[in-house]
């Protein structure tokens, strides 16, 4: 049985539907990340799992119990909030032990659980401090420790890193990953940051407007997006998505790119293009799949000579913006490739790395 099960879960505010019948099964020990832009419903969905929001329809099960009508304290969950939610007048030890005291856990067991969690999180030396004497990263570790000592069926993390600076966010993210690998536990983690989602998750659930657009491993989400929304939400920079036109003439199928260049399709791509609802198709290519090439040795690759409009140096690599007609084509190249702004760059398109999406529905026509 799944550790957490959502069956046709819905949420309405008045007559306005927010969550539209979500179905999801999360296995024991799985680390699942809900990701999507602000307003997509990811935090609302987590709050319904926690019991902080009533559901308008459907069923939520944790373990073998339907928890629709259970209060949060009876759901066997532990939640880590983005604002830490520590008691300012209690020490680290007291904050971590508070939930156990409420449940009348014996003192010896409290000492053992808090001690083990503190050792795991490397905060044993902080147990007698008050929260005001801690850094942001230390406070977040205390909040995580308070959840760990509970030994719940499901851990819920609601954007726990959003209040940290960039360097500290990377450090705490790595700690969460190591902690899950070492201790296990079923985790549902909410974030708007696709980098967090890609690095932490066993499985990513991409949400848009209260619906699951795609659920899969980080590799599946990144390399085989089923919808253009998923393609443009993941990746930094995100996938280039350009409106192109299907051309069929003299028995050859091609795409007219934004600058008028024609890209001949392979037989497999031509067959998939028949699924398009019209001649208008969305062509996708990841910035790292553009290569600087003179086309030598790559007879099937299409080489484009493009004007460089902007170069963004990032140290180990450069992000280069190029004009493909009116479209801003973005490439990600090694640091050795740093063309001059206003100059031209020869880039090649590998047909095996291209993605195609229906312009009307956004659904993928092919997944490379």
Protein backbone atom coordinates (compact mmCIF):
# COMPACT_ATOMS: atom_id res chain seq x y z
CA UNK A 1 0.00 0.00 0.00
CA UNK A 2 1.15 3.57 -0.72
CA UNK A 3 2.24 5.66 2.27
CA UNK A 4 0.22 8.58 0.94
CA UNK A 5 -2.66 8.38 -1.49
CA UNK A 6 -4.66 11.20 -3.09
CA UNK A 7 -7.76 10.20 -5.05
CA UNK A 8 -9.64 12.85 -7.01
CA UNK A 9 -8.75 15.49 -4.41
CA UNK A 10 -10.44 18.82 -5.06
CA UNK A 11 -10.46 22.24 -3.42
CA UNK A 12 -12.90 25.06 -4.06
CA UNK A 13 -12.96 28.52 -2.54
CA UNK A 14 -16.63 29.33 -2.80
CA UNK A 15 -17.56 28.51 -6.36
CA UNK A 16 -14.00 28.88 -7.64
CA UNK A 17 -12.16 25.55 -8.19
CA UNK A 18 -8.48 25.67 -7.16
CA UNK A 19 -7.44 21.99 -7.17
CA UNK A 20 -9.05 19.96 -9.97
CA UNK A 21 -9.26 16.30 -8.99
CA UNK A 22 -5.63 15.31 -8.22
CA UNK A 23 -4.72 11.61 -8.24
CA UNK A 24 -1.34 10.66 -6.78
CA UNK A 25 0.26 7.65 -5.06
CA UNK A 26 3.43 8.19 -2.99
CA UNK A 27 5.35 5.12 -1.84
CA UNK A 28 6.97 4.54 1.52
CA UNK A 29 10.42 6.13 1.66
CA UNK A 30 9.91 8.17 -1.51
CA UNK A 31 11.03 11.80 -1.75
CA UNK A 32 8.41 13.60 -3.86
CA UNK A 33 8.65 17.28 -4.77
CA UNK A 34 5.66 19.41 -5.78
CA UNK A 35 6.94 22.13 -8.08
CA UNK A 36 5.33 24.87 -10.10
CA UNK A 37 4.93 28.66 -10.30
CA UNK A 38 3.20 30.77 -7.68
CA UNK A 39 -0.54 30.11 -7.63
CA UNK A 40 -0.35 26.61 -9.13
CA UNK A 41 -1.83 24.98 -5.99
CA UNK A 42 1.21 23.16 -4.61
CA UNK A 43 1.05 24.69 -1.09
CA UNK A 44 -2.74 24.29 -0.98
CA UNK A 45 -2.34 20.62 -1.84
CA UNK A 46 0.23 20.17 0.94
CA UNK A 47 -1.97 21.99 3.46
CA UNK A 48 -4.82 19.64 2.60
CA UNK A 49 -2.53 16.65 3.22
CA UNK A 50 -1.58 18.18 6.57
CA UNK A 51 -5.19 18.88 7.53
CA UNK A 52 -4.69 22.64 7.62
CA UNK A 53 -7.17 23.04 4.74
CA UNK A 54 -10.46 21.19 4.31
CA UNK A 55 -10.86 19.29 1.03
CA UNK A 56 -13.88 19.92 -1.17
CA UNK A 57 -13.93 16.46 -2.69
CA UNK A 58 -12.01 13.23 -3.01
CA UNK A 59 -10.04 11.20 -0.48
CA UNK A 60 -6.67 11.44 1.25
CA UNK A 61 -5.15 8.34 2.88
CA UNK A 62 -2.00 8.14 5.00
CA UNK A 63 -0.94 4.54 5.48
CA UNK A 64 -4.13 2.52 5.72
CA UNK A 65 -6.29 5.35 7.14
CA UNK A 66 -8.53 7.82 5.32
CA UNK A 67 -7.70 11.12 7.01
CA UNK A 68 -10.21 13.48 5.39
CA UNK A 69 -11.87 14.32 8.72
CA UNK A 70 -8.88 13.89 11.05
CA UNK A 71 -7.25 16.96 12.66
CA UNK A 72 -3.54 17.53 11.90
CA UNK A 73 -2.34 16.11 15.24
CA UNK A 74 -3.95 12.74 14.45
CA UNK A 75 -2.58 12.31 10.91
CA UNK A 76 0.88 11.07 11.88
CA UNK A 77 2.65 13.77 9.85
CA UNK A 78 5.38 16.27 10.71
CA UNK A 79 5.69 19.59 8.92
CA UNK A 80 8.63 21.94 8.38
CA UNK A 81 7.58 25.50 7.49
CA UNK A 82 9.51 28.15 5.59
CA UNK A 83 9.49 30.51 8.60
CA UNK A 84 10.87 27.86 11.03
CA UNK A 85 7.99 28.42 13.56
CA UNK A 86 10.24 27.96 16.61
CA UNK A 87 9.21 29.01 20.12
CA UNK A 88 11.46 32.02 20.86
CA UNK A 89 11.43 31.48 24.65
CA UNK A 90 12.40 27.78 24.46
CA UNK A 91 15.85 26.32 23.95
CA UNK A 92 16.73 24.18 20.93
CA UNK A 93 16.26 21.06 23.07
CA UNK A 94 12.86 22.26 24.31
CA UNK A 95 11.73 23.16 20.78
CA UNK A 96 12.68 19.73 19.50
CA UNK A 97 11.12 17.95 22.48
CA UNK A 98 7.88 19.94 22.62
CA UNK A 99 5.79 17.66 20.38
CA UNK A 100 6.95 14.60 22.29
CA UNK A 101 6.04 16.18 25.63
CA UNK A 102 2.54 16.98 24.36
CA UNK A 103 2.17 13.26 23.57
CA UNK A 104 3.43 12.37 27.07
CA UNK A 105 6.49 10.54 25.78
CA UNK A 106 8.72 9.30 28.63
CA UNK A 107 11.64 11.63 29.42
CA UNK A 108 14.30 8.99 28.72
CA UNK A 109 12.87 8.44 25.24
CA UNK A 110 12.69 12.19 24.65
CA UNK A 111 16.37 12.55 25.57
CA UNK A 112 17.32 9.65 23.28
CA UNK A 113 15.32 10.88 20.28
CA UNK A 114 16.39 14.52 20.56
CA UNK A 115 20.01 13.51 21.11
CA UNK A 116 20.06 11.25 18.05
CA UNK A 117 18.40 13.87 15.82
CA UNK A 118 20.74 16.60 17.05
CA UNK A 119 23.75 14.39 16.35
CA UNK A 120 22.48 13.60 12.85
CA UNK A 121 21.92 17.30 12.11
CA UNK A 122 25.19 18.35 13.80
CA UNK A 123 23.47 20.70 16.26
CA UNK A 124 24.31 18.92 19.54
CA UNK A 125 26.36 21.96 20.63
CA UNK A 126 23.33 24.21 20.12
CA UNK A 127 20.83 22.38 22.33
CA UNK A 128 20.91 24.95 25.15
CA UNK A 129 20.67 28.03 22.91
CA UNK A 130 17.56 30.07 22.21
CA UNK A 131 16.48 30.57 18.57
CA UNK A 132 17.61 34.22 18.60
CA UNK A 133 21.20 32.99 19.04
CA UNK A 134 21.04 30.84 15.89
CA UNK A 135 21.69 31.55 12.21
CA UNK A 136 18.99 30.97 9.62
CA UNK A 137 20.50 27.64 8.58
CA UNK A 138 20.76 26.49 12.21
CA UNK A 139 17.12 27.42 12.85
CA UNK A 140 16.05 25.41 9.83
CA UNK A 141 17.98 22.41 11.11
CA UNK A 142 16.22 22.73 14.46
CA UNK A 143 12.87 22.76 12.65
CA UNK A 144 13.92 19.64 10.75
CA UNK A 145 15.04 18.00 13.99
CA UNK A 146 11.70 18.74 15.63
CA UNK A 147 10.03 16.88 12.76
CA UNK A 148 12.52 13.99 12.86
CA UNK A 149 11.99 13.14 16.53
CA UNK A 150 8.32 12.53 15.84
CA UNK A 151 9.06 9.56 13.53
CA UNK A 152 5.92 10.28 11.47
CA UNK A 153 4.61 8.37 8.47
CA UNK A 154 5.06 11.44 6.23
CA UNK A 155 7.32 14.51 6.42
CA UNK A 156 5.95 17.68 4.82
CA UNK A 157 8.35 20.48 3.81
CA UNK A 158 6.71 23.76 2.74
CA UNK A 159 9.36 25.82 0.89
CA UNK A 160 11.81 25.40 3.79
CA UNK A 161 14.74 27.13 2.07
CA UNK A 162 13.05 30.23 0.69
CA UNK A 163 14.20 32.49 3.56
CA UNK A 164 17.87 31.52 3.24
CA UNK A 165 20.53 33.25 1.15
CA UNK A 166 21.80 31.48 -1.97
CA UNK A 167 24.93 29.91 -0.45
CA UNK A 168 23.15 28.72 2.69
CA UNK A 169 20.28 27.40 0.59
CA UNK A 170 22.70 25.17 -1.30
CA UNK A 171 24.25 23.90 1.94
CA UNK A 172 20.94 23.09 3.64
CA UNK A 173 19.61 21.49 0.45
CA UNK A 174 22.58 19.13 0.44
CA UNK A 175 21.98 18.35 4.11
CA UNK A 176 18.33 17.47 3.42
CA UNK A 177 19.39 15.15 0.61
CA UNK A 178 22.01 13.40 2.76
CA UNK A 179 19.56 13.16 5.65
CA UNK A 180 16.95 11.43 3.52
CA UNK A 181 19.52 9.04 2.07
CA UNK A 182 20.71 8.16 5.58
CA UNK A 183 17.45 8.12 7.56
CA UNK A 184 14.82 7.33 4.92
CA UNK A 185 11.24 8.46 5.50
CA UNK A 186 8.47 9.51 3.15
CA UNK A 187 8.85 13.17 2.17
CA UNK A 188 6.56 15.58 0.35
CA UNK A 189 8.44 18.79 -0.42
CA UNK A 190 6.97 21.96 -1.93
CA UNK A 191 9.08 24.48 -3.84
CA UNK A 192 8.87 26.93 -6.73
CA UNK A 193 12.60 26.41 -7.39
CA UNK A 194 13.13 23.84 -10.15
CA UNK A 195 16.81 23.44 -9.13
CA UNK A 196 15.69 22.27 -5.67
CA UNK A 197 13.22 19.92 -7.30
CA UNK A 198 15.77 18.40 -9.68
CA UNK A 199 18.48 17.89 -7.05
CA UNK A 200 16.31 16.55 -4.21
CA UNK A 201 13.52 14.47 -5.70
CA UNK A 202 13.10 10.80 -6.38
CA UNK A 203 10.00 11.96 -8.25
CA UNK A 204 8.85 15.41 -9.34
CA UNK A 205 5.19 16.39 -9.63
CA UNK A 206 4.80 19.46 -11.86
CA UNK A 207 1.63 21.43 -11.15
CA UNK A 208 -0.08 24.09 -13.22
CA UNK A 209 -3.37 25.79 -12.31
CA UNK A 210 -4.34 23.09 -9.81
CA UNK A 211 -3.61 20.12 -12.08
CA UNK A 212 -0.73 17.67 -12.39
CA UNK A 213 0.90 18.28 -15.76
CA UNK A 214 3.55 15.56 -15.40
CA UNK A 215 4.89 13.25 -12.71
CA UNK A 216 8.24 11.50 -13.17
CA UNK A 217 11.88 11.19 -12.20
CA UNK A 218 14.08 14.28 -12.59
CA UNK A 219 15.57 12.76 -15.77
CA UNK A 220 12.11 12.13 -17.24
CA UNK A 221 10.93 15.63 -16.41
CA UNK A 222 14.03 17.24 -17.90
CA UNK A 223 14.74 15.07 -20.94
CA UNK A 224 11.23 13.87 -21.83
CA UNK A 225 8.75 16.65 -21.01
CA UNK A 226 5.20 15.72 -21.93
CA UNK A 227 4.01 19.32 -22.20
CA UNK A 228 5.59 22.61 -23.27
CA UNK A 229 4.87 24.04 -19.80
CA UNK A 230 7.15 21.41 -18.26
CA UNK A 231 9.80 22.05 -20.91
CA UNK A 232 9.95 25.78 -20.29
CA UNK A 233 9.70 25.50 -16.49
CA UNK A 234 12.74 23.22 -16.10
CA UNK A 235 16.29 24.08 -17.02
CA UNK A 236 18.42 27.18 -16.57
CA UNK A 237 18.20 28.80 -19.00
CA UNK A 238 14.92 27.08 -19.94
CA UNK A 239 14.30 25.27 -23.19
CA UNK A 240 14.13 27.41 -26.33
CA UNK A 241 10.56 27.13 -27.62
CA UNK A 242 9.87 28.68 -31.02
CA UNK A 243 6.83 28.75 -33.23
CA UNK A 244 7.62 27.06 -36.55
CA UNK A 245 5.62 25.98 -39.57
CA UNK A 246 5.36 22.48 -41.03
CA UNK A 247 6.11 22.36 -44.75
CA UNK A 248 5.34 19.42 -47.00
CA UNK A 249 6.51 19.70 -50.60
CA UNK A 250 7.99 17.35 -53.17
CA UNK A 251 7.62 14.48 -50.74
CA UNK A 252 9.85 16.17 -48.16
CA UNK A 253 8.72 17.32 -44.72
CA UNK A 254 10.51 20.31 -43.20
CA UNK A 255 10.11 23.07 -40.65
CA UNK A 256 10.28 26.76 -41.48
CA UNK A 257 12.28 28.38 -38.66
CA UNK A 258 11.65 31.99 -37.50
CA UNK A 259 14.33 33.36 -39.86
CA UNK A 260 12.94 31.46 -42.86
CA UNK A 261 15.56 28.70 -42.75
CA UNK A 262 14.16 25.26 -43.53
CA UNK A 263 15.00 22.29 -41.32
CA UNK A 264 14.44 18.91 -42.97
CA UNK A 265 12.89 16.34 -40.62
CA UNK A 266 14.00 12.77 -40.18
CA UNK A 267 11.58 10.00 -41.14
CA UNK A 268 10.67 9.43 -37.47
CA UNK A 269 10.04 13.13 -36.89
CA UNK A 270 7.96 13.36 -40.06
CA UNK A 271 5.76 10.50 -38.83
CA UNK A 272 5.30 12.20 -35.46
CA UNK A 273 4.50 15.53 -37.09
CA UNK A 274 1.35 13.95 -38.53
CA UNK A 275 -0.09 14.10 -35.00
CA UNK A 276 0.04 17.89 -34.99
CA UNK A 277 -3.36 19.58 -35.02
CA UNK A 278 -2.20 22.18 -37.56
CA UNK A 279 0.82 23.27 -39.57
CA UNK A 280 1.88 25.44 -36.63
CA UNK A 281 4.22 23.50 -34.33
CA UNK A 282 6.37 24.47 -31.35
CA UNK A 283 10.01 23.39 -31.73
CA UNK A 284 12.05 22.99 -28.55
CA UNK A 285 15.81 22.78 -28.06
CA UNK A 286 17.70 22.99 -24.79
CA UNK A 287 20.46 25.67 -24.68
CA UNK A 288 23.13 23.06 -23.88
CA UNK A 289 22.14 21.04 -26.96
CA UNK A 290 23.26 23.82 -29.29
CA UNK A 291 26.83 23.20 -30.35
CA UNK A 292 29.40 25.36 -32.08
CA UNK A 293 30.13 23.45 -35.25
CA UNK A 294 31.21 23.74 -38.86
CA UNK A 295 28.93 20.74 -39.52
CA UNK A 296 31.92 18.54 -40.26
CA UNK A 297 31.12 14.93 -39.53
CA UNK A 298 27.46 15.68 -38.84
CA UNK A 299 25.62 15.40 -42.17
CA UNK A 300 22.18 15.39 -40.51
CA UNK A 301 22.82 18.42 -38.33
CA UNK A 302 21.52 21.84 -39.39
CA UNK A 303 24.05 24.65 -39.08
CA UNK A 304 22.87 28.22 -38.55
CA UNK A 305 24.95 31.38 -38.81
CA UNK A 306 23.46 33.75 -36.21
CA UNK A 307 24.15 37.25 -34.92
CA UNK A 308 25.18 37.39 -31.26
CA UNK A 309 23.03 39.88 -29.35
CA UNK A 310 24.19 39.28 -25.77
CA UNK A 311 26.82 37.29 -23.87
CA UNK A 312 26.37 36.43 -20.18
CA UNK A 313 29.66 35.13 -18.67
CA UNK A 314 29.09 32.65 -15.81
CA UNK A 315 32.67 31.62 -15.13
CA UNK A 316 32.74 27.98 -16.22
CA UNK A 317 30.38 28.66 -19.11
CA UNK A 318 28.76 31.41 -21.15
CA UNK A 319 25.11 31.97 -21.96
CA UNK A 320 24.88 33.41 -25.47
CA UNK A 321 21.79 35.07 -26.96
CA UNK A 322 21.49 34.92 -30.75
CA UNK A 323 18.97 36.36 -33.20
CA UNK A 324 17.09 33.72 -35.19
CA UNK A 325 14.88 36.08 -37.12
CA UNK A 326 12.81 37.75 -34.37
CA UNK A 327 13.37 34.85 -31.97
CA UNK A 328 15.97 35.10 -29.17
CA UNK A 329 17.78 31.76 -29.34
CA UNK A 330 19.78 31.03 -26.19
CA UNK A 331 22.79 28.71 -26.08
CA UNK A 332 24.90 27.50 -23.15
CA UNK A 333 28.51 26.94 -24.14
CA UNK A 334 31.85 26.15 -22.43
CA UNK A 335 33.86 29.15 -21.27
CA UNK A 336 36.16 28.80 -24.30
CA UNK A 337 33.23 29.90 -26.48
CA UNK A 338 32.81 33.62 -25.86
CA UNK A 339 31.87 35.37 -29.12
CA UNK A 340 31.84 39.13 -29.42
CA UNK A 341 28.50 40.89 -29.17
CA UNK A 342 27.42 41.87 -32.67
CA UNK A 343 29.52 39.13 -34.24
CA UNK A 344 28.27 35.89 -35.73
CA UNK A 345 28.35 32.36 -34.39
CA UNK A 346 27.93 29.08 -36.27
CA UNK A 347 25.71 26.77 -34.23
CA UNK A 348 24.38 23.35 -35.15
CA UNK A 349 21.06 21.69 -34.31
CA UNK A 350 21.24 17.97 -33.60
CA UNK A 351 17.93 16.43 -34.79
CA UNK A 352 18.12 13.79 -32.06
CA UNK A 353 17.84 16.46 -29.32
CA UNK A 354 14.84 18.34 -30.71
CA UNK A 355 11.41 18.37 -29.06
CA UNK A 356 8.08 18.99 -30.77
CA UNK A 357 4.88 20.26 -29.14
CA UNK A 358 1.40 20.84 -30.49
CA UNK A 359 0.88 24.60 -30.72
CA UNK A 360 -2.77 24.34 -29.62
CA UNK A 361 -2.66 21.86 -26.75
CA UNK A 362 0.98 22.16 -25.71
CA UNK A 363 1.24 18.36 -25.60
CA UNK A 364 4.50 16.77 -26.74
CA UNK A 365 4.48 15.20 -30.20
CA UNK A 366 7.78 13.50 -29.51
CA UNK A 367 10.09 12.90 -26.59
CA UNK A 368 13.78 12.51 -27.26
